[in-house]
Amino acid sequence: MPATSFSTRLRRLRRLAGAAWRDPGQFRARHLPRECPVCGYRGMFISVGHPPRWDARCLDCGSRERHRLTHLWRIEGGGDRLAGKRILHFAPEKFLLRQMRGNPLYETADLRQKGVTHRLDITALPFPDASYDVVMAHHVLEHIDDDRRAIGEMFRVLKPGGFAVLSVPQNGTRAETYENPSVTDPIGRTAHFSAPDHKRTYGLEFADRLRAAGFIPRIFRETPEREVRFGLLPTEWLTIADKPGSR
């Protein structure tokens, strides 16, 4: 193996120090070494989030579980499923922004986030029909009052044969999505939906909402062994929603 550069060692030490400051308890237990499919790092992953999730963040590139899962989908079978495609990414994460830096076909959008290409409302997109090859939205729809309208807008701006890459907080043991409009305060929403700004927790019926808009949804997830190997969440998967038609 090639020698680890000084800058890489320094980056890892900084992340270790930050992780130890935020969550020292993670270092009191033994951890299974993980492997990052994005950068090739092998070793301990560190905690992230509030409350912290152990074994979640790559010590080298900083990827989290959903980033690694998206990367594995992206390169499955060889090549790059996003290469040469015009992409609209809602609420982009810093990690994916870094990955896509310099790609002229990659655009970002959000209602409030600074530095995005488009400041907009996902339920009223200003783009013509069939503008994009791909739309991406990781943990966005649970924040939207009218998520069905947002799904419909994503379908509209996709070209025939295009697809959406989506992830949402989803309970795979429940058929129905849990929504309760009477719960409006942050404390109540945290208790009901796990976060103060969430409006719902999806059930398996999420696929039906996509079908109602015209999508053909399919699931991407890894085997249990690869979930452990790459430090993925066993309760999270990607939904790839295809728009019928040909380019």
Protein backbone atom coordinates (compact mmCIF):
# COMPACT_ATOMS: atom_id res chain seq x y z
CA MET A 1 0.00 0.00 0.00
CA PRO A 2 1.28 3.53 -0.71
CA ALA A 3 2.46 5.59 2.24
CA THR A 4 -0.14 7.87 3.78
CA SER A 5 0.63 11.49 3.05
CA PHE A 6 1.22 14.05 5.78
CA SER A 7 -1.90 16.00 4.79
CA THR A 8 -4.01 12.85 5.01
CA ARG A 9 -2.62 11.97 8.45
CA LEU A 10 -3.26 15.53 9.62
CA ARG A 11 -6.86 15.45 8.32
CA ARG A 12 -7.51 12.17 10.12
CA LEU A 13 -6.00 13.46 13.36
CA ARG A 14 -8.18 16.57 13.22
CA ARG A 15 -11.30 14.47 12.71
CA LEU A 16 -10.28 12.12 15.52
CA ALA A 17 -9.71 15.05 17.86
CA GLY A 18 -13.07 16.57 16.95
CA ALA A 19 -14.83 13.24 17.44
CA ALA A 20 -13.15 12.72 20.81
CA TRP A 21 -14.23 16.19 21.94
CA ARG A 22 -17.86 15.75 20.84
CA ASP A 23 -18.36 12.10 21.81
CA PRO A 24 -15.56 10.61 23.94
CA GLY A 25 -17.67 7.56 24.78
CA GLN A 26 -17.15 6.05 21.34
CA PHE A 27 -13.48 5.43 22.14
CA ARG A 28 -14.22 3.39 25.26
CA ALA A 29 -15.44 0.44 23.20
CA ARG A 30 -13.86 -1.70 20.52
CA HIS A 31 -15.03 -1.06 16.96
CA LEU A 32 -15.03 -3.28 13.93
CA PRO A 33 -12.83 -1.77 11.18
CA ARG A 34 -14.88 -0.50 8.23
CA GLU A 35 -14.11 0.21 4.59
CA CYS A 36 -15.05 3.35 2.68
CA PRO A 37 -16.01 2.63 -0.95
CA VAL A 38 -15.59 6.31 -1.81
CA CYS A 39 -11.94 6.86 -0.85
CA GLY A 40 -10.68 3.37 -0.01
CA TYR A 41 -9.94 4.09 3.66
CA ARG A 42 -9.93 1.05 5.99
CA GLY A 43 -10.14 1.42 9.72
CA MET A 44 -12.30 2.94 12.43
CA PHE A 45 -15.22 5.16 11.47
CA ILE A 46 -16.20 7.94 13.89
CA SER A 47 -19.51 9.19 15.24
CA VAL A 48 -21.70 11.88 13.73
CA GLY A 49 -25.09 13.43 14.44
CA HIS A 50 -27.16 14.45 17.47
CA PRO A 51 -27.52 12.08 19.25
CA PRO A 52 -24.33 10.57 17.83
CA ARG A 53 -24.31 7.51 15.59
CA TRP A 54 -21.16 5.49 16.10
CA ASP A 55 -19.24 4.04 13.15
CA ALA A 56 -20.92 6.52 10.80
CA ARG A 57 -18.31 8.87 9.32
CA CYS A 58 -15.25 7.94 7.28
CA LEU A 59 -12.15 9.23 9.02
CA ASP A 60 -10.53 10.14 5.71
CA CYS A 61 -13.07 11.59 3.26
CA GLY A 62 -15.81 12.39 5.79
CA SER A 63 -18.55 10.42 4.01
CA ARG A 64 -21.61 9.38 5.99
CA GLU A 65 -23.82 6.33 5.50
CA ARG A 66 -26.10 7.76 2.82
CA HIS A 67 -23.12 9.16 0.89
CA ARG A 68 -21.48 5.74 0.75
CA LEU A 69 -24.75 4.05 -0.21
CA THR A 70 -25.31 6.57 -3.01
CA HIS A 71 -21.75 6.03 -4.21
CA LEU A 72 -22.21 2.25 -4.28
CA TRP A 73 -25.39 2.64 -6.34
CA ARG A 74 -23.63 5.11 -8.61
CA ILE A 75 -20.78 2.74 -9.51
CA GLU A 76 -22.69 -0.56 -9.40
CA GLY A 77 -21.79 -2.64 -12.43
CA GLY A 78 -18.90 -0.36 -13.36
CA GLY A 79 -18.92 3.13 -14.79
CA ASP A 80 -20.79 6.09 -13.34
CA ARG A 81 -24.58 6.30 -13.52
CA LEU A 82 -24.45 10.10 -13.21
CA ALA A 83 -21.83 10.73 -15.89
CA GLY A 84 -22.98 13.04 -18.67
CA LYS A 85 -26.38 13.71 -17.06
CA ARG A 86 -27.91 17.05 -16.19
CA ILE A 87 -28.61 16.87 -12.45
CA LEU A 88 -30.76 18.95 -10.11
CA HIS A 89 -29.87 18.26 -6.46
CA PHE A 90 -32.19 19.54 -3.73
CA ALA A 91 -30.69 20.52 -0.34
CA PRO A 92 -27.21 19.37 -1.35
CA GLU A 93 -24.92 17.98 1.33
CA LYS A 94 -21.40 19.40 1.60
CA PHE A 95 -19.86 16.00 0.84
CA LEU A 96 -21.70 15.64 -2.48
CA LEU A 97 -21.04 19.27 -3.34
CA ARG A 98 -17.32 18.53 -3.07
CA GLN A 99 -17.69 15.41 -5.21
CA MET A 100 -19.52 17.32 -7.95
CA ARG A 101 -17.35 20.45 -7.90
CA GLY A 102 -16.53 21.59 -11.42
CA ASN A 103 -19.28 19.55 -13.10
CA PRO A 104 -21.12 22.02 -15.41
CA LEU A 105 -24.14 19.68 -15.61
CA TYR A 106 -24.69 19.68 -11.83
CA GLU A 107 -27.10 22.24 -10.34
CA THR A 108 -28.31 22.68 -6.77
CA ALA A 109 -31.53 24.04 -5.31
CA ASP A 110 -33.03 24.93 -1.95
CA LEU A 111 -35.45 27.37 -0.40
CA ARG A 112 -33.01 28.75 2.20
CA GLN A 113 -29.57 27.16 1.79
CA LYS A 114 -26.83 29.59 0.83
CA GLY A 115 -24.64 29.06 -2.19
CA VAL A 116 -27.05 26.94 -4.23
CA THR A 117 -27.60 27.44 -7.96
CA HIS A 118 -31.34 28.07 -7.53
CA ARG A 119 -33.25 29.48 -4.54
CA LEU A 120 -36.72 28.04 -5.00
CA ASP A 121 -39.74 26.21 -3.62
CA ILE A 122 -39.64 22.51 -4.49
CA THR A 123 -43.43 22.49 -4.85
CA ALA A 124 -43.34 25.19 -7.57
CA LEU A 125 -40.26 24.69 -9.73
CA PRO A 126 -39.60 27.45 -12.31
CA PHE A 127 -38.17 25.08 -14.94
CA PRO A 128 -39.80 23.85 -18.16
CA ASP A 129 -41.00 20.28 -18.46
CA ALA A 130 -38.32 17.66 -19.16
CA SER A 131 -35.37 19.86 -18.14
CA TYR A 132 -33.20 17.35 -16.24
CA ASP A 133 -31.92 13.80 -16.53
CA VAL A 134 -31.65 13.27 -12.77
CA VAL A 135 -33.10 14.84 -9.65
CA MET A 136 -31.67 14.04 -6.22
CA ALA A 137 -33.26 14.64 -2.81
CA HIS A 138 -31.83 13.03 0.31
CA HIS A 139 -34.03 13.50 3.38
CA VAL A 140 -35.92 16.44 1.91
CA LEU A 141 -39.52 15.30 1.41
CA GLU A 142 -40.22 14.74 5.12
CA HIS A 143 -39.76 18.51 5.60
CA ILE A 144 -42.33 19.51 2.95
CA ASP A 145 -45.97 20.22 3.83
CA ASP A 146 -47.27 19.08 0.44
CA ASP A 147 -44.83 16.32 -0.42
CA ARG A 148 -47.09 14.92 -3.15
CA ARG A 149 -46.91 18.20 -5.01
CA ALA A 150 -43.11 18.21 -4.66
CA ILE A 151 -42.96 14.66 -6.06
CA GLY A 152 -45.16 15.76 -8.95
CA GLU A 153 -42.84 18.68 -9.72
CA MET A 154 -39.80 16.43 -9.71
CA PHE A 155 -41.56 14.11 -12.15
CA ARG A 156 -42.51 17.04 -14.40
CA VAL A 157 -39.00 18.48 -14.76
CA LEU A 158 -37.43 15.08 -15.48
CA LYS A 159 -36.92 14.01 -19.06
CA PRO A 160 -38.60 10.79 -20.19
CA GLY A 161 -36.23 8.00 -19.21
CA GLY A 162 -34.79 10.11 -16.39
CA PHE A 163 -34.85 9.19 -12.72
CA ALA A 164 -34.96 10.54 -9.19
CA VAL A 165 -32.57 9.41 -6.46
CA LEU A 166 -34.42 9.69 -3.16
CA SER A 167 -34.03 8.80 0.49
CA VAL A 168 -36.46 9.53 3.32
CA PRO A 169 -36.87 8.47 6.95
CA GLN A 170 -38.88 5.31 6.42
CA ASN A 171 -40.26 2.64 8.72
CA GLY A 172 -40.11 -0.60 6.78
CA THR A 173 -42.34 -2.37 9.30
CA ARG A 174 -45.34 -0.10 8.65
CA ALA A 175 -47.44 0.01 5.52
CA GLU A 176 -48.78 3.52 6.01
CA THR A 177 -46.95 6.81 6.33
CA TYR A 178 -47.42 8.40 9.74
CA GLU A 179 -48.58 12.02 9.58
CA ASN A 180 -50.26 14.07 12.28
CA PRO A 181 -51.01 17.68 11.26
CA SER A 182 -52.08 18.53 14.81
CA VAL A 183 -48.46 18.15 15.96
CA THR A 184 -46.86 21.50 15.15
CA ASP A 185 -44.40 22.37 17.92
CA PRO A 186 -40.75 21.29 17.69
CA ILE A 187 -40.83 19.15 20.85
CA GLY A 188 -43.88 17.28 19.65
CA ARG A 189 -42.48 16.77 16.18
CA THR A 190 -39.24 15.41 17.63
CA ALA A 191 -41.22 12.94 19.72
CA HIS A 192 -43.49 11.91 16.83
CA PHE A 193 -41.16 12.19 13.81
CA SER A 194 -37.62 12.17 15.30
CA ALA A 195 -36.74 15.78 14.39
CA PRO A 196 -38.24 19.22 15.13
CA ASP A 197 -38.74 20.09 11.45
CA HIS A 198 -40.07 16.74 10.18
CA LYS A 199 -43.69 16.46 9.09
CA ARG A 200 -43.94 12.67 8.74
CA THR A 201 -42.25 9.28 8.88
CA TYR A 202 -42.81 7.32 5.70
CA GLY A 203 -44.01 3.77 5.57
CA LEU A 204 -43.87 1.37 2.65
CA GLU A 205 -46.63 3.49 1.12
CA PHE A 206 -43.93 5.95 0.01
CA ALA A 207 -43.67 3.90 -3.18
CA ASP A 208 -47.40 4.46 -3.79
CA ARG A 209 -46.94 8.23 -3.60
CA LEU A 210 -44.25 7.97 -6.27
CA ARG A 211 -46.43 5.75 -8.47
CA ALA A 212 -49.32 8.21 -8.17
CA ALA A 213 -47.08 10.87 -9.75
CA GLY A 214 -46.15 8.54 -12.62
CA PHE A 215 -42.85 7.14 -11.34
CA ILE A 216 -41.79 3.50 -11.37
CA PRO A 217 -39.95 3.08 -8.04
CA ARG A 218 -37.30 0.48 -7.20
CA ILE A 219 -35.12 -0.07 -4.17
CA PHE A 220 -31.34 -0.09 -3.96
CA ARG A 221 -29.69 -1.47 -0.86
CA GLU A 222 -26.72 -3.68 -0.08
CA THR A 223 -26.52 -7.14 1.47
CA PRO A 224 -26.21 -7.30 5.28
CA GLU A 225 -22.56 -8.28 4.96
CA ARG A 226 -21.76 -5.26 2.77
CA GLU A 227 -23.79 -2.98 5.05
CA VAL A 228 -21.43 -3.96 7.86
CA ARG A 229 -18.33 -3.77 5.67
CA PHE A 230 -19.07 -0.25 4.42
CA GLY A 231 -20.66 1.13 7.59
CA LEU A 232 -24.17 1.54 6.15
CA LEU A 233 -27.44 1.83 8.05
CA PRO A 234 -29.49 -1.38 7.89
CA THR A 235 -32.66 0.73 8.18
CA GLU A 236 -31.87 3.02 5.21
CA TRP A 237 -32.06 2.43 1.48
CA LEU A 238 -32.27 4.43 -1.73
CA THR A 239 -35.41 4.67 -3.79
CA ILE A 240 -34.69 5.09 -7.49
CA ALA A 241 -37.81 6.47 -9.17
CA ASP A 242 -37.78 6.08 -12.97
CA LYS A 243 -39.82 8.28 -15.31
CA PRO A 244 -41.15 6.09 -18.10
CA GLY A 245 -40.17 6.80 -21.68
CA SER A 246 -37.02 7.02 -23.73
CA ARG A 247 -34.66 9.94 -24.21
